[in-house]
Amino acid sequence: MGEAVVVCRRDELASGEARRFDIGEHRVCVVRIEDDFYAIGDRCSHEDYSLAEGEVWAAERELECPRHGSTFDLTSGEPCSLPATKPVPVYDVALTAAGDVTVVLP
């Protein structure tokens, strides 16, 4: 198992919000939908653009790249629409009893 890194407090992210975190060489986008948290690679696989700047599609559990409109599944990292055809990495997320959001890096 990888290293768990605290990225923020649970209450620092509103439902429907995405935020970028730079952790070493990893660029991670953390998304909150209701009480669920997701972490995916922040670089669109079609073009190097920050996914955290895109729109969260809560019902679909997807995140849209603001550059060309590709959407990515928050649970698998798979692209759900073109022009992206390659997945982005996904990371495990855990919440601590103290209310911290942690991302597990490889």
PDB file of N, CA and C in Angstrom:
ATOM      1  N   MET A   1       0.847  -1.187   0.000  1.00  0.00           N
ATOM      2  CA  MET A   1       0.000   0.000   0.000  1.00  0.00           C
ATOM      3  C   MET A   1       0.885   1.240   0.000  1.00  0.00           C
ATOM      4  N   GLY A   2       0.393   2.283  -0.611  1.00  0.00           N
ATOM      5  CA  GLY A   2       1.164   3.505  -0.735  1.00  0.00           C
ATOM      6  C   GLY A   2       1.103   4.373   0.502  1.00  0.00           C
ATOM      7  N   GLU A   3       1.552   5.575   0.325  1.00  0.00           N
ATOM      8  CA  GLU A   3       1.608   6.550   1.416  1.00  0.00           C
ATOM      9  C   GLU A   3       0.332   7.381   1.447  1.00  0.00           C
ATOM     10  N   ALA A   4      -0.298   7.489   2.623  1.00  0.00           N
ATOM     11  CA  ALA A   4      -1.496   8.315   2.786  1.00  0.00           C
ATOM     12  C   ALA A   4      -1.064   9.732   3.138  1.00  0.00           C
ATOM     13  N   VAL A   5      -1.522  10.698   2.352  1.00  0.00           N
ATOM     14  CA  VAL A   5      -1.146  12.094   2.533  1.00  0.00           C
ATOM     15  C   VAL A   5      -2.410  12.912   2.809  1.00  0.00           C
ATOM     16  N   VAL A   6      -2.393  13.694   3.883  1.00  0.00           N
ATOM     17  CA  VAL A   6      -3.516  14.582   4.179  1.00  0.00           C
ATOM     18  C   VAL A   6      -3.481  15.744   3.190  1.00  0.00           C
ATOM     19  N   VAL A   7      -4.611  15.971   2.502  1.00  0.00           N
ATOM     20  CA  VAL A   7      -4.670  17.059   1.521  1.00  0.00           C
ATOM     21  C   VAL A   7      -5.515  18.239   1.992  1.00  0.00           C
ATOM     22  N   CYS A   8      -6.524  17.973   2.810  1.00  0.00           N
ATOM     23  CA  CYS A   8      -7.380  19.047   3.304  1.00  0.00           C
ATOM     24  C   CYS A   8      -8.275  18.508   4.411  1.00  0.00           C
ATOM     25  N   ARG A   9      -9.064  19.401   4.974  1.00  0.00           N
ATOM     26  CA  ARG A   9     -10.087  19.009   5.943  1.00  0.00           C
ATOM     27  C   ARG A   9     -11.374  18.718   5.174  1.00  0.00           C
ATOM     28  N   ARG A  10     -12.154  17.824   5.688  1.00  0.00           N
ATOM     29  CA  ARG A  10     -13.412  17.437   5.048  1.00  0.00           C
ATOM     30  C   ARG A  10     -14.296  18.655   4.735  1.00  0.00           C
ATOM     31  N   ASP A  11     -14.395  19.585   5.685  1.00  0.00           N
ATOM     32  CA  ASP A  11     -15.285  20.732   5.515  1.00  0.00           C
ATOM     33  C   ASP A  11     -14.704  21.838   4.634  1.00  0.00           C
ATOM     34  N   GLU A  12     -13.495  21.650   4.115  1.00  0.00           N
ATOM     35  CA  GLU A  12     -12.899  22.640   3.213  1.00  0.00           C
ATOM     36  C   GLU A  12     -13.365  22.481   1.763  1.00  0.00           C
ATOM     37  N   LEU A  13     -13.991  21.342   1.466  1.00  0.00           N
ATOM     38  CA  LEU A  13     -14.523  21.100   0.125  1.00  0.00           C
ATOM     39  C   LEU A  13     -16.040  21.009   0.200  1.00  0.00           C
ATOM     40  N   ALA A  14     -16.725  21.802  -0.593  1.00  0.00           N
ATOM     41  CA  ALA A  14     -18.182  21.735  -0.653  1.00  0.00           C
ATOM     42  C   ALA A  14     -18.594  20.626  -1.612  1.00  0.00           C
ATOM     43  N   SER A  15     -19.784  20.105  -1.455  1.00  0.00           N
ATOM     44  CA  SER A  15     -20.291  19.107  -2.382  1.00  0.00           C
ATOM     45  C   SER A  15     -20.358  19.720  -3.779  1.00  0.00           C
ATOM     46  N   GLY A  16     -19.868  18.985  -4.775  1.00  0.00           N
ATOM     47  CA  GLY A  16     -19.833  19.480  -6.145  1.00  0.00           C
ATOM     48  C   GLY A  16     -18.572  20.252  -6.483  1.00  0.00           C
ATOM     49  N   GLU A  17     -17.633  20.324  -5.543  1.00  0.00           N
ATOM     50  CA  GLU A  17     -16.394  21.078  -5.759  1.00  0.00           C
ATOM     51  C   GLU A  17     -15.236  20.144  -6.101  1.00  0.00           C
ATOM     52  N   ALA A  18     -14.347  20.614  -6.961  1.00  0.00           N
ATOM     53  CA  ALA A  18     -13.109  19.922  -7.311  1.00  0.00           C
ATOM     54  C   ALA A  18     -11.954  20.857  -6.993  1.00  0.00           C
ATOM     55  N   ARG A  19     -10.871  20.295  -6.465  1.00  0.00           N
ATOM     56  CA  ARG A  19      -9.705  21.124  -6.140  1.00  0.00           C
ATOM     57  C   ARG A  19      -8.424  20.350  -6.449  1.00  0.00           C
ATOM     58  N   ARG A  20      -7.452  21.071  -6.983  1.00  0.00           N
ATOM     59  CA  ARG A  20      -6.151  20.487  -7.320  1.00  0.00           C
ATOM     60  C   ARG A  20      -5.216  20.549  -6.119  1.00  0.00           C
ATOM     61  N   PHE A  21      -4.458  19.463  -5.935  1.00  0.00           N
ATOM     62  CA  PHE A  21      -3.415  19.392  -4.916  1.00  0.00           C
ATOM     63  C   PHE A  21      -2.150  18.860  -5.572  1.00  0.00           C
ATOM     64  N   ASP A  22      -1.041  19.528  -5.350  1.00  0.00           N
ATOM     65  CA  ASP A  22       0.251  19.066  -5.847  1.00  0.00           C
ATOM     66  C   ASP A  22       0.959  18.364  -4.695  1.00  0.00           C
ATOM     67  N   ILE A  23       1.184  17.058  -4.870  1.00  0.00           N
ATOM     68  CA  ILE A  23       1.807  16.241  -3.830  1.00  0.00           C
ATOM     69  C   ILE A  23       3.043  15.599  -4.443  1.00  0.00           C
ATOM     70  N   GLY A  24       4.211  16.177  -4.161  1.00  0.00           N
ATOM     71  CA  GLY A  24       5.428  15.685  -4.811  1.00  0.00           C
ATOM     72  C   GLY A  24       5.277  15.824  -6.310  1.00  0.00           C
ATOM     73  N   GLU A  25       5.522  14.734  -7.044  1.00  0.00           N
ATOM     74  CA  GLU A  25       5.377  14.794  -8.503  1.00  0.00           C
ATOM     75  C   GLU A  25       3.953  14.480  -8.954  1.00  0.00           C
ATOM     76  N   HIS A  26       3.058  14.221  -8.016  1.00  0.00           N
ATOM     77  CA  HIS A  26       1.678  13.900  -8.350  1.00  0.00           C
ATOM     78  C   HIS A  26       0.815  15.157  -8.345  1.00  0.00           C
ATOM     79  N   ARG A  27       0.047  15.314  -9.412  1.00  0.00           N
ATOM     80  CA  ARG A  27      -0.954  16.375  -9.501  1.00  0.00           C
ATOM     81  C   ARG A  27      -2.307  15.684  -9.369  1.00  0.00           C
ATOM     82  N   VAL A  28      -2.985  15.929  -8.241  1.00  0.00           N
ATOM     83  CA  VAL A  28      -4.194  15.187  -7.898  1.00  0.00           C
ATOM     84  C   VAL A  28      -5.387  16.131  -7.826  1.00  0.00           C
ATOM     85  N   CYS A  29      -6.505  15.693  -8.370  1.00  0.00           N
ATOM     86  CA  CYS A  29      -7.765  16.424  -8.279  1.00  0.00           C
ATOM     87  C   CYS A  29      -8.665  15.677  -7.307  1.00  0.00           C
ATOM     88  N   VAL A  30      -9.079  16.354  -6.233  1.00  0.00           N
ATOM     89  CA  VAL A  30      -9.988  15.767  -5.253  1.00  0.00           C
ATOM     90  C   VAL A  30     -11.368  16.376  -5.469  1.00  0.00           C
ATOM     91  N   VAL A  31     -12.368  15.508  -5.540  1.00  0.00           N
ATOM     92  CA  VAL A  31     -13.744  15.920  -5.804  1.00  0.00           C
ATOM     93  C   VAL A  31     -14.626  15.427  -4.666  1.00  0.00           C
ATOM     94  N   ARG A  32     -15.525  16.306  -4.217  1.00  0.00           N
ATOM     95  CA  ARG A  32     -16.505  15.899  -3.221  1.00  0.00           C
ATOM     96  C   ARG A  32     -17.897  15.933  -3.852  1.00  0.00           C
ATOM     97  N   ILE A  33     -18.632  14.833  -3.665  1.00  0.00           N
ATOM     98  CA  ILE A  33     -20.037  14.758  -4.058  1.00  0.00           C
ATOM     99  C   ILE A  33     -20.787  14.225  -2.850  1.00  0.00           C
ATOM    100  N   GLU A  34     -21.591  15.089  -2.240  1.00  0.00           N
ATOM    101  CA  GLU A  34     -22.271  14.774  -0.980  1.00  0.00           C
ATOM    102  C   GLU A  34     -21.216  14.390   0.062  1.00  0.00           C
ATOM    103  N   ASP A  35     -21.284  13.168   0.587  1.00  0.00           N
ATOM    104  CA  ASP A  35     -20.305  12.726   1.586  1.00  0.00           C
ATOM    105  C   ASP A  35     -19.220  11.838   0.991  1.00  0.00           C
ATOM    106  N   ASP A  36     -19.190  11.705  -0.336  1.00  0.00           N
ATOM    107  CA  ASP A  36     -18.193  10.878  -1.007  1.00  0.00           C
ATOM    108  C   ASP A  36     -17.067  11.750  -1.552  1.00  0.00           C
ATOM    109  N   PHE A  37     -15.851  11.244  -1.439  1.00  0.00           N
ATOM    110  CA  PHE A  37     -14.669  11.938  -1.951  1.00  0.00           C
ATOM    111  C   PHE A  37     -13.972  11.038  -2.965  1.00  0.00           C
ATOM    112  N   TYR A  38     -13.478  11.652  -4.030  1.00  0.00           N
ATOM    113  CA  TYR A  38     -12.786  10.947  -5.107  1.00  0.00           C
ATOM    114  C   TYR A  38     -11.478  11.667  -5.388  1.00  0.00           C
ATOM    115  N   ALA A  39     -10.478  10.920  -5.841  1.00  0.00           N
ATOM    116  CA  ALA A  39      -9.201  11.526  -6.233  1.00  0.00           C
ATOM    117  C   ALA A  39      -8.760  10.903  -7.547  1.00  0.00           C
ATOM    118  N   ILE A  40      -8.512  11.759  -8.528  1.00  0.00           N
ATOM    119  CA  ILE A  40      -8.031  11.307  -9.832  1.00  0.00           C
ATOM    120  C   ILE A  40      -6.856  12.183 -10.241  1.00  0.00           C
ATOM    121  N   GLY A  41      -6.105  11.717 -11.229  1.00  0.00           N
ATOM    122  CA  GLY A  41      -5.028  12.533 -11.775  1.00  0.00           C
ATOM    123  C   GLY A  41      -5.597  13.829 -12.326  1.00  0.00           C
ATOM    124  N   ASP A  42      -4.913  14.931 -12.095  1.00  0.00           N
ATOM    125  CA  ASP A  42      -5.437  16.242 -12.478  1.00  0.00           C
ATOM    126  C   ASP A  42      -5.120  16.627 -13.918  1.00  0.00           C
ATOM    127  N   ARG A  43      -4.372  15.828 -14.640  1.00  0.00           N
ATOM    128  CA  ARG A  43      -4.031  16.158 -16.029  1.00  0.00           C
ATOM    129  C   ARG A  43      -4.941  15.402 -16.983  1.00  0.00           C
ATOM    130  N   CYS A  44      -5.686  16.138 -17.793  1.00  0.00           N
ATOM    131  CA  CYS A  44      -6.511  15.494 -18.816  1.00  0.00           C
ATOM    132  C   CYS A  44      -5.599  14.655 -19.711  1.00  0.00           C
ATOM    133  N   SER A  45      -6.048  13.441 -20.034  1.00  0.00           N
ATOM    134  CA  SER A  45      -5.211  12.554 -20.858  1.00  0.00           C
ATOM    135  C   SER A  45      -5.205  12.961 -22.329  1.00  0.00           C
ATOM    136  N   HIS A  46      -6.102  13.845 -22.731  1.00  0.00           N
ATOM    137  CA  HIS A  46      -6.132  14.326 -24.110  1.00  0.00           C
ATOM    138  C   HIS A  46      -5.148  15.467 -24.307  1.00  0.00           C
ATOM    139  N   GLU A  47      -5.142  16.383 -23.354  1.00  0.00           N
ATOM    140  CA  GLU A  47      -4.243  17.526 -23.411  1.00  0.00           C
ATOM    141  C   GLU A  47      -3.932  17.906 -21.972  1.00  0.00           C
ATOM    142  N   ASP A  48      -2.724  18.303 -21.698  1.00  0.00           N
ATOM    143  CA  ASP A  48      -2.302  18.609 -20.323  1.00  0.00           C
ATOM    144  C   ASP A  48      -3.042  19.834 -19.794  1.00  0.00           C
ATOM    145  N   TYR A  49      -4.248  19.595 -19.271  1.00  0.00           N
ATOM    146  CA  TYR A  49      -5.078  20.680 -18.755  1.00  0.00           C
ATOM    147  C   TYR A  49      -5.653  20.237 -17.419  1.00  0.00           C
ATOM    148  N   SER A  50      -5.791  21.163 -16.479  1.00  0.00           N
ATOM    149  CA  SER A  50      -6.235  20.826 -15.129  1.00  0.00           C
ATOM    150  C   SER A  50      -7.710  20.436 -15.099  1.00  0.00           C
ATOM    151  N   LEU A  51      -7.982  19.210 -14.658  1.00  0.00           N
ATOM    152  CA  LEU A  51      -9.361  18.752 -14.534  1.00  0.00           C
ATOM    153  C   LEU A  51     -10.081  19.436 -13.375  1.00  0.00           C
ATOM    154  N   ALA A  52      -9.330  19.892 -12.383  1.00  0.00           N
ATOM    155  CA  ALA A  52      -9.944  20.540 -11.226  1.00  0.00           C
ATOM    156  C   ALA A  52     -10.677  21.825 -11.604  1.00  0.00           C
ATOM    157  N   GLU A  53     -10.356  22.383 -12.767  1.00  0.00           N
ATOM    158  CA  GLU A  53     -11.020  23.588 -13.232  1.00  0.00           C
ATOM    159  C   GLU A  53     -12.324  23.280 -13.965  1.00  0.00           C
ATOM    160  N   GLY A  54     -12.610  21.984 -14.132  1.00  0.00           N
ATOM    161  CA  GLY A  54     -13.796  21.570 -14.875  1.00  0.00           C
ATOM    162  C   GLY A  54     -15.034  21.454 -14.005  1.00  0.00           C
ATOM    163  N   GLU A  55     -16.126  21.082 -14.651  1.00  0.00           N
ATOM    164  CA  GLU A  55     -17.423  20.967 -13.987  1.00  0.00           C
ATOM    165  C   GLU A  55     -17.625  19.550 -13.450  1.00  0.00           C
ATOM    166  N   VAL A  56     -18.114  19.452 -12.212  1.00  0.00           N
ATOM    167  CA  VAL A  56     -18.435  18.167 -11.602  1.00  0.00           C
ATOM    168  C   VAL A  56     -19.852  17.781 -12.023  1.00  0.00           C
ATOM    169  N   TRP A  57     -20.000  16.589 -12.560  1.00  0.00           N
ATOM    170  CA  TRP A  57     -21.306  16.046 -12.909  1.00  0.00           C
ATOM    171  C   TRP A  57     -21.678  15.066 -11.792  1.00  0.00           C
ATOM    172  N   ALA A  58     -22.353  15.560 -10.779  1.00  0.00           N
ATOM    173  CA  ALA A  58     -22.599  14.780  -9.560  1.00  0.00           C
ATOM    174  C   ALA A  58     -23.400  13.505  -9.830  1.00  0.00           C
ATOM    175  N   ALA A  59     -24.490  13.595 -10.554  1.00  0.00           N
ATOM    176  CA  ALA A  59     -25.344  12.425 -10.776  1.00  0.00           C
ATOM    177  C   ALA A  59     -24.605  11.315 -11.515  1.00  0.00           C
ATOM    178  N   GLU A  60     -23.720  11.695 -12.437  1.00  0.00           N
ATOM    179  CA  GLU A  60     -22.977  10.720 -13.240  1.00  0.00           C
ATOM    180  C   GLU A  60     -21.677  10.281 -12.569  1.00  0.00           C
ATOM    181  N   ARG A  61     -21.272  10.999 -11.517  1.00  0.00           N
ATOM    182  CA  ARG A  61     -19.977  10.754 -10.861  1.00  0.00           C
ATOM    183  C   ARG A  61     -18.851  10.918 -11.878  1.00  0.00           C
ATOM    184  N   GLU A  62     -18.906  12.051 -12.615  1.00  0.00           N
ATOM    185  CA  GLU A  62     -17.917  12.361 -13.636  1.00  0.00           C
ATOM    186  C   GLU A  62     -17.414  13.786 -13.452  1.00  0.00           C
ATOM    187  N   LEU A  63     -16.248  14.039 -14.051  1.00  0.00           N
ATOM    188  CA  LEU A  63     -15.650  15.365 -14.045  1.00  0.00           C
ATOM    189  C   LEU A  63     -15.338  15.738 -15.486  1.00  0.00           C
ATOM    190  N   GLU A  64     -15.752  16.943 -15.884  1.00  0.00           N
ATOM    191  CA  GLU A  64     -15.571  17.390 -17.262  1.00  0.00           C
ATOM    192  C   GLU A  64     -14.323  18.258 -17.389  1.00  0.00           C
ATOM    193  N   CYS A  65     -13.505  17.951 -18.376  1.00  0.00           N
ATOM    194  CA  CYS A  65     -12.345  18.791 -18.665  1.00  0.00           C
ATOM    195  C   CYS A  65     -12.849  20.094 -19.282  1.00  0.00           C
ATOM    196  N   PRO A  66     -12.417  21.234 -18.738  1.00  0.00           N
ATOM    197  CA  PRO A  66     -12.918  22.509 -19.250  1.00  0.00           C
ATOM    198  C   PRO A  66     -12.362  22.881 -20.624  1.00  0.00           C
ATOM    199  N   ARG A  67     -11.323  22.201 -21.064  1.00  0.00           N
ATOM    200  CA  ARG A  67     -10.681  22.569 -22.330  1.00  0.00           C
ATOM    201  C   ARG A  67     -11.453  22.084 -23.560  1.00  0.00           C
ATOM    202  N   HIS A  68     -11.736  20.768 -23.617  1.00  0.00           N
ATOM    203  CA  HIS A  68     -12.407  20.218 -24.792  1.00  0.00           C
ATOM    204  C   HIS A  68     -13.652  19.411 -24.452  1.00  0.00           C
ATOM    205  N   GLY A  69     -14.037  19.355 -23.172  1.00  0.00           N
ATOM    206  CA  GLY A  69     -15.300  18.734 -22.798  1.00  0.00           C
ATOM    207  C   GLY A  69     -15.299  17.244 -22.536  1.00  0.00           C
ATOM    208  N   SER A  70     -14.147  16.581 -22.582  1.00  0.00           N
ATOM    209  CA  SER A  70     -14.119  15.164 -22.225  1.00  0.00           C
ATOM    210  C   SER A  70     -14.530  15.011 -20.772  1.00  0.00           C
ATOM    211  N   THR A  71     -15.244  13.933 -20.477  1.00  0.00           N
ATOM    212  CA  THR A  71     -15.586  13.648 -19.085  1.00  0.00           C
ATOM    213  C   THR A  71     -14.888  12.368 -18.652  1.00  0.00           C
ATOM    214  N   PHE A  72     -14.578  12.311 -17.350  1.00  0.00           N
ATOM    215  CA  PHE A  72     -13.877  11.171 -16.783  1.00  0.00           C
ATOM    216  C   PHE A  72     -14.668  10.608 -15.607  1.00  0.00           C
ATOM    217  N   ASP A  73     -14.771   9.281 -15.559  1.00  0.00           N
ATOM    218  CA  ASP A  73     -15.435   8.595 -14.463  1.00  0.00           C
ATOM    219  C   ASP A  73     -14.572   8.742 -13.209  1.00  0.00           C
ATOM    220  N   LEU A  74     -15.168   9.240 -12.136  1.00  0.00           N
ATOM    221  CA  LEU A  74     -14.403   9.493 -10.911  1.00  0.00           C
ATOM    222  C   LEU A  74     -14.011   8.211 -10.187  1.00  0.00           C
ATOM    223  N   THR A  75     -14.673   7.104 -10.474  1.00  0.00           N
ATOM    224  CA  THR A  75     -14.344   5.853  -9.792  1.00  0.00           C
ATOM    225  C   THR A  75     -13.293   5.031 -10.522  1.00  0.00           C
ATOM    226  N   SER A  76     -13.231   5.176 -11.845  1.00  0.00           N
ATOM    227  CA  SER A  76     -12.294   4.360 -12.623  1.00  0.00           C
ATOM    228  C   SER A  76     -11.235   5.170 -13.358  1.00  0.00           C
ATOM    229  N   GLY A  77     -11.473   6.470 -13.562  1.00  0.00           N
ATOM    230  CA  GLY A  77     -10.564   7.302 -14.348  1.00  0.00           C
ATOM    231  C   GLY A  77     -10.761   7.159 -15.842  1.00  0.00           C
ATOM    232  N   GLU A  78     -11.674   6.287 -16.264  1.00  0.00           N
ATOM    233  CA  GLU A  78     -11.912   6.055 -17.689  1.00  0.00           C
ATOM    234  C   GLU A  78     -12.589   7.268 -18.329  1.00  0.00           C
ATOM    235  N   PRO A  79     -12.197   7.594 -19.565  1.00  0.00           N
ATOM    236  CA  PRO A  79     -12.888   8.676 -20.260  1.00  0.00           C
ATOM    237  C   PRO A  79     -14.289   8.219 -20.657  1.00  0.00           C
ATOM    238  N   CYS A  80     -15.256   9.099 -20.525  1.00  0.00           N
ATOM    239  CA  CYS A  80     -16.643   8.780 -20.864  1.00  0.00           C
ATOM    240  C   CYS A  80     -17.079   9.468 -22.145  1.00  0.00           C
ATOM    241  N   SER A  81     -16.260  10.395 -22.639  1.00  0.00           N
ATOM    242  CA  SER A  81     -16.589  11.083 -23.889  1.00  0.00           C
ATOM    243  C   SER A  81     -15.296  11.542 -24.564  1.00  0.00           C
ATOM    244  N   LEU A  82     -15.396  11.720 -25.859  1.00  0.00           N
ATOM    245  CA  LEU A  82     -14.258  12.184 -26.651  1.00  0.00           C
ATOM    246  C   LEU A  82     -14.030  13.667 -26.423  1.00  0.00           C
ATOM    247  N   PRO A  83     -12.848  14.199 -26.694  1.00  0.00           N
ATOM    248  CA  PRO A  83     -11.774  13.589 -27.456  1.00  0.00           C
ATOM    249  C   PRO A  83     -10.816  12.711 -26.647  1.00  0.00           C
ATOM    250  N   ALA A  84     -10.907  12.674 -25.331  1.00  0.00           N
ATOM    251  CA  ALA A  84      -9.997  11.829 -24.549  1.00  0.00           C
ATOM    252  C   ALA A  84     -10.307  10.352 -24.794  1.00  0.00           C
ATOM    253  N   THR A  85      -9.249   9.555 -24.916  1.00  0.00           N
ATOM    254  CA  THR A  85      -9.417   8.116 -25.123  1.00  0.00           C
ATOM    255  C   THR A  85      -8.637   7.296 -24.099  1.00  0.00           C
ATOM    256  N   LYS A  86      -7.786   7.942 -23.306  1.00  0.00           N
ATOM    257  CA  LYS A  86      -6.976   7.238 -22.310  1.00  0.00           C
ATOM    258  C   LYS A  86      -7.442   7.626 -20.909  1.00  0.00           C
ATOM    259  N   PRO A  87      -7.397   6.668 -19.975  1.00  0.00           N
ATOM    260  CA  PRO A  87      -7.811   6.982 -18.609  1.00  0.00           C
ATOM    261  C   PRO A  87      -6.793   7.845 -17.876  1.00  0.00           C
ATOM    262  N   VAL A  88      -7.243   8.438 -16.794  1.00  0.00           N
ATOM    263  CA  VAL A  88      -6.363   9.150 -15.866  1.00  0.00           C
ATOM    264  C   VAL A  88      -6.253   8.284 -14.609  1.00  0.00           C
ATOM    265  N   PRO A  89      -5.174   8.436 -13.836  1.00  0.00           N
ATOM    266  CA  PRO A  89      -5.037   7.609 -12.634  1.00  0.00           C
ATOM    267  C   PRO A  89      -6.105   7.938 -11.586  1.00  0.00           C
ATOM    268  N   VAL A  90      -6.463   6.943 -10.805  1.00  0.00           N
ATOM    269  CA  VAL A  90      -7.354   7.148  -9.662  1.00  0.00           C
ATOM    270  C   VAL A  90      -6.585   6.772  -8.400  1.00  0.00           C
ATOM    271  N   TYR A  91      -6.931   7.408  -7.311  1.00  0.00           N
ATOM    272  CA  TYR A  91      -6.262   7.189  -6.036  1.00  0.00           C
ATOM    273  C   TYR A  91      -7.304   6.895  -4.967  1.00  0.00           C
ATOM    274  N   ASP A  92      -6.933   6.067  -4.001  1.00  0.00           N
ATOM    275  CA  ASP A  92      -7.817   5.799  -2.872  1.00  0.00           C
ATOM    276  C   ASP A  92      -7.882   7.030  -1.984  1.00  0.00           C
ATOM    277  N   VAL A  93      -9.068   7.271  -1.447  1.00  0.00           N
ATOM    278  CA  VAL A  93      -9.291   8.388  -0.538  1.00  0.00           C
ATOM    279  C   VAL A  93      -9.835   7.827   0.769  1.00  0.00           C
ATOM    280  N   ALA A  94      -9.348   8.364   1.875  1.00  0.00           N
ATOM    281  CA  ALA A  94      -9.852   7.960   3.186  1.00  0.00           C
ATOM    282  C   ALA A  94     -10.102   9.204   4.022  1.00  0.00           C
ATOM    283  N   LEU A  95     -11.092   9.107   4.885  1.00  0.00           N
ATOM    284  CA  LEU A  95     -11.392  10.176   5.825  1.00  0.00           C
ATOM    285  C   LEU A  95     -10.963   9.726   7.210  1.00  0.00           C
ATOM    286  N   THR A  96     -10.263  10.582   7.914  1.00  0.00           N
ATOM    287  CA  THR A  96      -9.832  10.244   9.267  1.00  0.00           C
ATOM    288  C   THR A  96     -10.926  10.625  10.255  1.00  0.00           C
ATOM    289  N   ALA A  97     -10.838  10.076  11.448  1.00  0.00           N
ATOM    290  CA  ALA A  97     -11.791  10.410  12.498  1.00  0.00           C
ATOM    291  C   ALA A  97     -11.747  11.893  12.838  1.00  0.00           C
ATOM    292  N   ALA A  98     -10.595  12.504  12.621  1.00  0.00           N
ATOM    293  CA  ALA A  98     -10.426  13.939  12.921  1.00  0.00           C
ATOM    294  C   ALA A  98     -10.993  14.836  11.818  1.00  0.00           C
ATOM    295  N   GLY A  99     -11.460  14.238  10.705  1.00  0.00           N
ATOM    296  CA  GLY A  99     -12.041  15.038   9.629  1.00  0.00           C
ATOM    297  C   GLY A  99     -11.094  15.397   8.508  1.00  0.00           C
ATOM    298  N   ASP A 100      -9.926  14.756   8.470  1.00  0.00           N
ATOM    299  CA  ASP A 100      -8.980  14.997   7.390  1.00  0.00           C
ATOM    300  C   ASP A 100      -9.300  14.120   6.186  1.00  0.00           C
ATOM    301  N   VAL A 101      -9.057  14.645   4.992  1.00  0.00           N
ATOM    302  CA  VAL A 101      -9.171  13.894   3.751  1.00  0.00           C
ATOM    303  C   VAL A 101      -7.763  13.476   3.354  1.00  0.00           C
ATOM    304  N   THR A 102      -7.543  12.171   3.213  1.00  0.00           N
ATOM    305  CA  THR A 102      -6.231  11.679   2.826  1.00  0.00           C
ATOM    306  C   THR A 102      -6.318  10.998   1.461  1.00  0.00           C
ATOM    307  N   VAL A 103      -5.263  11.148   0.689  1.00  0.00           N
ATOM    308  CA  VAL A 103      -5.130  10.494  -0.606  1.00  0.00           C
ATOM    309  C   VAL A 103      -3.963   9.522  -0.493  1.00  0.00           C
ATOM    310  N   VAL A 104      -4.185   8.289  -0.975  1.00  0.00           N
ATOM    311  CA  VAL A 104      -3.144   7.274  -0.917  1.00  0.00           C
ATOM    312  C   VAL A 104      -2.406   7.272  -2.250  1.00  0.00           C
ATOM    313  N   LEU A 105      -1.129   7.625  -2.186  1.00  0.00           N
ATOM    314  CA  LEU A 105      -0.291   7.672  -3.385  1.00  0.00           C
ATOM    315  C   LEU A 105       0.426   6.339  -3.560  1.00  0.00           C
ATOM    316  N   PRO A 106       0.718   5.978  -4.808  1.00  0.00           N
ATOM    317  CA  PRO A 106       1.429   4.706  -5.060  1.00  0.00           C
ATOM    318  C   PRO A 106       2.848   4.727  -4.534  1.00  0.00           C
TER     319      PRO A 106
END
